[in-house]
Protein backbone atom coordinates (compact mmCIF):
# COMPACT_ATOMS: atom_id res chain seq x y z
CA UNK A 1 15.80 34.77 16.29
CA UNK A 2 12.38 33.55 14.38
CA UNK A 3 9.35 34.76 15.85
CA UNK A 4 6.16 33.17 14.38
CA UNK A 5 2.64 34.40 15.32
CA UNK A 6 -0.55 32.92 14.03
CA UNK A 7 -2.78 35.14 15.83
CA UNK A 8 -2.50 38.33 17.66
CA UNK A 9 -0.49 38.30 20.78
CA UNK A 10 -2.05 36.67 23.73
CA UNK A 11 -0.44 35.99 27.37
CA UNK A 12 -0.66 32.87 28.67
CA UNK A 13 1.82 29.97 29.62
CA UNK A 14 5.48 29.37 29.48
CA UNK A 15 6.73 32.38 31.37
CA UNK A 16 9.46 34.52 30.11
CA UNK A 17 12.40 34.15 32.09
CA UNK A 18 13.26 36.91 34.44
CA UNK A 19 16.77 38.93 33.68
CA UNK A 20 18.48 37.21 36.74
CA UNK A 21 17.94 33.80 35.18
CA UNK A 22 21.23 33.86 33.24
CA UNK A 23 21.69 30.32 33.57
CA UNK A 24 17.94 29.68 32.55
CA UNK A 25 18.94 28.92 28.87
CA UNK A 26 21.21 26.15 30.03
CA UNK A 27 18.43 24.58 31.89
CA UNK A 28 16.17 24.99 28.82
CA UNK A 29 18.58 23.45 26.53
CA UNK A 30 18.74 20.40 28.66
CA UNK A 31 14.98 19.74 28.19
CA UNK A 32 16.02 18.92 24.89
CA UNK A 33 19.33 17.63 25.41
CA UNK A 34 17.49 14.47 26.33
CA UNK A 35 16.34 13.69 22.82
CA UNK A 36 19.99 13.87 21.90
CA UNK A 37 21.06 11.48 24.40
CA UNK A 38 18.40 9.23 23.53
CA UNK A 39 20.21 9.06 19.61
CA UNK A 40 23.65 8.25 21.45
CA UNK A 41 22.28 5.50 23.87
CA UNK A 42 20.64 3.82 20.50
CA UNK A 43 23.69 4.40 18.57
CA UNK A 44 26.03 3.22 21.11
CA UNK A 45 23.87 0.43 22.57
CA UNK A 46 21.19 -0.32 19.84
CA UNK A 47 20.41 -3.91 18.55
CA UNK A 48 20.18 -4.38 14.97
CA UNK A 49 16.87 -5.71 14.07
CA UNK A 50 14.55 -6.52 11.01
CA UNK A 51 11.12 -4.53 10.71
CA UNK A 52 8.26 -4.78 8.51
CA UNK A 53 9.47 -2.25 5.96
CA UNK A 54 12.70 -4.04 5.61
CA UNK A 55 14.97 -1.19 6.13
CA UNK A 56 16.42 -2.26 9.54
CA UNK A 57 16.63 -0.80 12.84
CA UNK A 58 19.08 -0.02 15.59
CA UNK A 59 16.71 -0.48 18.50
CA UNK A 60 16.25 -0.49 22.46
CA UNK A 61 13.54 -1.53 24.56
CA UNK A 62 12.34 1.12 26.95
CA UNK A 63 13.23 4.57 27.74
CA UNK A 64 11.62 7.47 29.53
CA UNK A 65 12.23 11.25 29.05
CA UNK A 66 10.52 14.21 30.96
CA UNK A 67 9.89 17.46 29.65
CA UNK A 68 8.96 20.13 32.32
CA UNK A 69 6.46 22.57 30.25
CA UNK A 70 6.96 25.61 32.52
CA UNK A 71 10.62 25.46 31.23
CA UNK A 72 8.99 26.21 27.55
CA UNK A 73 7.95 24.24 24.64
CA UNK A 74 9.81 21.00 23.98
CA UNK A 75 10.03 21.23 20.31
CA UNK A 76 13.33 19.81 18.70
CA UNK A 77 15.80 22.90 17.71
CA UNK A 78 18.44 20.77 16.36
CA UNK A 79 16.62 20.88 13.10
CA UNK A 80 13.63 22.49 12.18
CA UNK A 81 10.43 20.53 13.08
CA UNK A 82 7.08 21.28 10.75
CA UNK A 83 4.81 22.73 13.38
CA UNK A 84 1.89 23.29 10.80
CA UNK A 85 2.11 19.72 10.81
CA UNK A 86 1.91 18.88 14.35
CA UNK A 87 -1.03 21.57 14.91
CA UNK A 88 -3.16 20.22 12.14
CA UNK A 89 -2.64 16.59 12.69
CA UNK A 90 -3.56 17.02 16.56
CA UNK A 91 -6.85 19.01 15.42
CA UNK A 92 -7.64 16.16 13.16
CA UNK A 93 -7.45 13.73 15.90
CA UNK A 94 -9.88 15.78 18.13
CA UNK A 95 -12.21 15.87 15.28
CA UNK A 96 -12.17 12.27 15.48
CA UNK A 97 -11.20 12.41 11.58
CA UNK A 98 -9.81 9.14 9.78
CA UNK A 99 -9.79 10.84 6.13
CA UNK A 100 -7.15 12.59 5.20
CA UNK A 101 -9.16 15.38 3.37
CA UNK A 102 -9.00 17.84 6.19
CA UNK A 103 -4.77 17.01 6.13
CA UNK A 104 -4.81 17.75 2.41
CA UNK A 105 -6.63 20.69 2.32
CA UNK A 106 -4.08 22.30 5.08
CA UNK A 107 -0.87 21.17 2.75
CA UNK A 108 0.05 18.07 5.45
CA UNK A 109 1.00 15.29 3.70
CA UNK A 110 2.40 13.30 6.60
CA UNK A 111 -0.51 10.44 6.11
CA UNK A 112 -0.76 10.19 2.54
CA UNK A 113 1.27 7.04 2.50
CA UNK A 114 -0.89 5.07 4.29
CA UNK A 115 -4.11 6.11 2.84
CA UNK A 116 -6.48 4.53 0.55
CA UNK A 117 -7.39 5.89 -2.68
CA UNK A 118 -10.48 7.78 -0.98
CA UNK A 119 -8.37 9.12 1.90
CA UNK A 120 -9.66 6.74 4.46
CA UNK A 121 -6.83 5.12 7.10
CA UNK A 122 -9.46 3.15 9.02
CA UNK A 123 -10.58 3.50 12.40
CA UNK A 124 -7.10 4.99 13.60
CA UNK A 125 -6.50 7.47 16.39
CA UNK A 126 -9.14 9.90 15.90
CA UNK A 127 -12.20 7.48 15.87
CA UNK A 128 -10.65 5.61 19.12
CA UNK A 129 -9.93 8.86 21.00
CA UNK A 130 -13.77 10.03 20.23
CA UNK A 131 -16.02 6.92 19.13
CA UNK A 132 -14.57 3.89 20.66
CA UNK A 133 -17.16 1.32 19.79
CA UNK A 134 -18.84 -0.56 22.77
CA UNK A 135 -20.38 -4.18 21.98
CA UNK A 136 -23.89 -2.81 22.23
CA UNK A 137 -23.45 -0.52 19.07
CA UNK A 138 -22.87 2.90 21.20
CA UNK A 139 -19.59 4.93 21.10
CA UNK A 140 -17.09 6.39 23.84
CA UNK A 141 -16.09 9.79 23.50
CA UNK A 142 -12.62 9.22 25.44
CA UNK A 143 -11.44 12.96 25.17
CA UNK A 144 -14.26 14.31 26.78
CA UNK A 145 -14.88 11.57 29.42
CA UNK A 146 -10.98 12.25 30.50
CA UNK A 147 -11.72 16.05 30.72
CA UNK A 148 -14.76 15.51 32.73
CA UNK A 149 -12.81 13.41 35.15
CA UNK A 150 -10.10 15.36 35.31
CA UNK A 151 -12.79 18.60 36.32
CA UNK A 152 -14.45 16.40 38.66
CA UNK A 153 -12.26 13.94 40.02
CA UNK A 154 -8.79 14.91 39.36
CA UNK A 155 -7.30 12.31 42.00
CA UNK A 156 -8.41 9.76 39.49
CA UNK A 157 -5.87 6.88 38.59
CA UNK A 158 -7.80 6.21 35.39
CA UNK A 159 -7.33 9.33 33.60
CA UNK A 160 -6.28 7.39 30.46
CA UNK A 161 -7.20 7.77 26.63
CA UNK A 162 -6.34 4.38 24.52
CA UNK A 163 -5.97 4.33 20.91
CA UNK A 164 -5.11 0.48 21.28
CA UNK A 165 -8.46 -1.10 20.58
CA UNK A 166 -7.31 -4.81 19.77
CA UNK A 167 -10.65 -5.71 18.10
CA UNK A 168 -9.70 -3.19 15.17
CA UNK A 169 -5.93 -2.91 15.23
CA UNK A 170 -6.55 -5.05 11.45
CA UNK A 171 -8.76 -2.61 10.04
CA UNK A 172 -6.16 0.09 10.56
CA UNK A 173 -4.11 1.16 8.07
CA UNK A 174 -1.43 1.77 10.69
CA UNK A 175 -1.50 0.21 14.34
CA UNK A 176 -1.15 3.24 16.70
CA UNK A 177 2.44 3.59 17.81
CA UNK A 178 1.57 6.21 20.59
CA UNK A 179 -0.68 3.64 22.27
CA UNK A 180 -2.27 5.65 25.13
CA UNK A 181 -1.69 8.31 27.80
CA UNK A 182 -2.57 8.86 31.07
CA UNK A 183 -3.30 12.57 33.01
CA UNK A 184 -2.27 13.07 36.39
CA UNK A 185 -3.14 16.17 38.60
CA UNK A 186 -1.13 17.94 41.26
CA UNK A 187 -0.54 21.58 42.65
CA UNK A 188 -2.73 23.01 40.31
CA UNK A 189 -0.58 21.19 37.42
CA UNK A 190 -1.73 19.09 34.51
CA UNK A 191 0.91 16.35 33.58
CA UNK A 192 0.72 13.64 30.91
CA UNK A 193 2.43 10.47 30.41
CA UNK A 194 2.61 8.96 27.00
CA UNK A 195 3.26 4.97 26.21
CA UNK A 196 4.53 4.60 22.49
CA UNK A 197 5.20 0.94 21.83
CA UNK A 198 7.32 1.96 18.82
CA UNK A 199 9.29 5.14 18.20
CA UNK A 200 11.04 6.32 15.45
CA UNK A 201 13.68 8.35 16.95
CA UNK A 202 14.65 10.47 13.96
CA UNK A 203 11.65 11.28 12.11
CA UNK A 204 8.67 10.50 14.39
CA UNK A 205 9.53 11.36 17.92
CA UNK A 206 10.07 14.92 17.68
CA UNK A 207 6.64 15.58 16.25
CA UNK A 208 5.17 13.04 19.46
CA UNK A 209 6.85 15.28 21.91
CA UNK A 210 5.53 18.49 20.63
CA UNK A 211 2.00 16.98 20.01
CA UNK A 212 1.48 15.39 23.39
CA UNK A 213 3.07 18.49 24.95
CA UNK A 214 0.63 20.81 22.97
CA UNK A 215 -2.51 18.73 23.97
CA UNK A 216 -1.51 18.59 27.48
CA UNK A 217 -1.33 22.28 27.39
CA UNK A 218 -4.54 22.58 25.90
CA UNK A 219 -6.49 20.25 28.35
CA UNK A 220 -4.86 21.80 31.11
CA UNK A 221 -5.97 25.37 29.73
CA UNK A 222 -10.15 24.22 29.33
CA UNK A 223 -9.49 22.44 32.78
CA UNK A 224 -8.29 25.68 34.51
CA UNK A 225 -4.96 23.94 35.27
CA UNK A 226 -0.90 24.97 34.72
CA UNK A 227 0.50 22.83 32.50
CA UNK A 228 2.91 20.39 34.30
CA UNK A 229 5.44 17.64 32.87
CA UNK A 230 5.26 15.57 29.57
CA UNK A 231 6.78 11.86 30.33
CA UNK A 232 7.56 10.60 27.36
CA UNK A 233 8.02 6.51 27.84
CA UNK A 234 9.10 4.84 24.73
CA UNK A 235 8.70 0.62 23.92
CA UNK A 236 10.61 -0.31 20.68
CA UNK A 237 12.65 2.98 20.38
CA UNK A 238 14.72 2.82 17.02
CA UNK A 239 16.60 4.53 14.31
CA UNK A 240 16.27 3.14 11.00
CA UNK A 241 19.56 2.10 8.92
CA UNK A 242 19.19 4.85 6.36
CA UNK A 243 18.59 7.58 8.98
CA UNK A 244 21.75 6.93 11.09
CA UNK A 245 24.02 9.74 9.10
CA UNK A 246 21.41 12.37 9.39
CA UNK A 247 21.02 11.15 13.19
CA UNK A 248 25.13 11.78 13.19
CA UNK A 249 24.58 15.26 11.84
CA UNK A 250 21.84 16.12 14.21
CA UNK A 251 23.83 15.11 16.96
CA UNK A 252 26.67 17.17 16.26
CA UNK A 253 24.05 20.78 16.76
CA UNK A 254 23.56 22.20 20.03
CA UNK A 255 20.08 22.19 21.37
CA UNK A 256 19.16 26.06 21.23
CA UNK A 257 17.14 27.48 24.12
CA UNK A 258 13.12 26.58 24.26
CA UNK A 259 10.82 28.30 22.55
CA UNK A 260 7.52 29.68 23.85
CA UNK A 261 4.19 28.43 22.71
CA UNK A 262 1.07 30.59 23.51
CA UNK A 263 -2.37 29.51 23.51
CA UNK A 264 -5.53 31.67 23.05
CA UNK A 265 -6.77 31.90 26.07
CA UNK A 266 -10.37 32.65 25.20
CA UNK A 267 -10.57 28.87 24.23
CA UNK A 268 -12.65 26.96 27.02
CA UNK A 269 -13.42 23.80 24.70
CA UNK A 270 -10.76 21.31 23.47
CA UNK A 271 -12.75 20.93 20.69
CA UNK A 272 -12.99 25.00 19.69
CA UNK A 273 -9.25 24.74 19.20
CA UNK A 274 -8.18 26.41 15.76
CA UNK A 275 -4.88 26.62 14.02
CA UNK A 276 -4.88 30.30 14.37
CA UNK A 277 -5.17 29.97 18.20
CA UNK A 278 -1.53 28.68 18.51
CA UNK A 279 1.41 31.35 18.40
CA UNK A 280 4.86 29.95 18.54
CA UNK A 281 7.76 32.42 19.95
CA UNK A 282 11.46 32.66 19.83
CA UNK A 283 11.63 29.27 17.86
CA UNK A 284 15.42 29.81 16.15
CA UNK A 285 16.40 25.87 15.14
CA UNK A 286 19.13 24.87 12.95
CA UNK A 287 18.41 23.87 9.47
CA UNK A 288 16.13 21.28 8.26
CA UNK A 289 17.46 17.25 8.02
CA UNK A 290 15.85 15.43 5.08
CA UNK A 291 15.47 11.74 5.65
CA UNK A 292 13.05 9.31 4.20
CA UNK A 293 10.12 7.71 5.69
CA UNK A 294 9.88 4.00 6.40
CA UNK A 295 6.20 2.69 4.73
């Protein structure tokens, strides 16, 4: 078993299974079997579609997965997923940053293909999350606002953060694929539903699941709540034609029990989290599978 500690061990979140949970591993396996079932569904029922990259895809429209964050951290185990990139990208979003400099400094290259010669991406996720422009020249910090709402008005049906700013899409290097997300508080737990308009199932979706599950856990902690469910709603869910062989290889592998993500419990402000404040335990994935990125 691989055990990754990025900081001295803290106790929080996703409790370890008790000895009598002999069948618990099967339950935790089933959380990620949803992802394999999505692949199978697209291979069997997908429609061939053209796309902006010229690669071509097998696509379905409308799919949903639900992950209980009390059961463990939903990190795909049928191939190794690069957690460092997921954590640093999320921190970068929360900084409101739109230049890849921070990512490059931390050896994360996932946005390189879309940046200009100065590393700029235009008003992408970070700017919309933290500095949505208003007509009068002001800015809206959606992350701060939604956390305040969760703390003070948890039954609100307006606990939403949007990256889909129609007025600025033409200025973005890549329009938001994961477009907006909504929080829901019940029984002391925080749940999150993400709407993703465009979902690259093989490469992108494992990152998206882990990133928004982690964001939900972080916001739950700073709001003194427990994490609930992460619900992932997909619009155009697709497999690129040059990922089909890799997809079949991944589908031949059995999912393993979910790992445990531990957050530094001392962090009480969402913007204070650093890479070292996250520890992943008992992640034992199958080997990485290489695949080209469609740009």
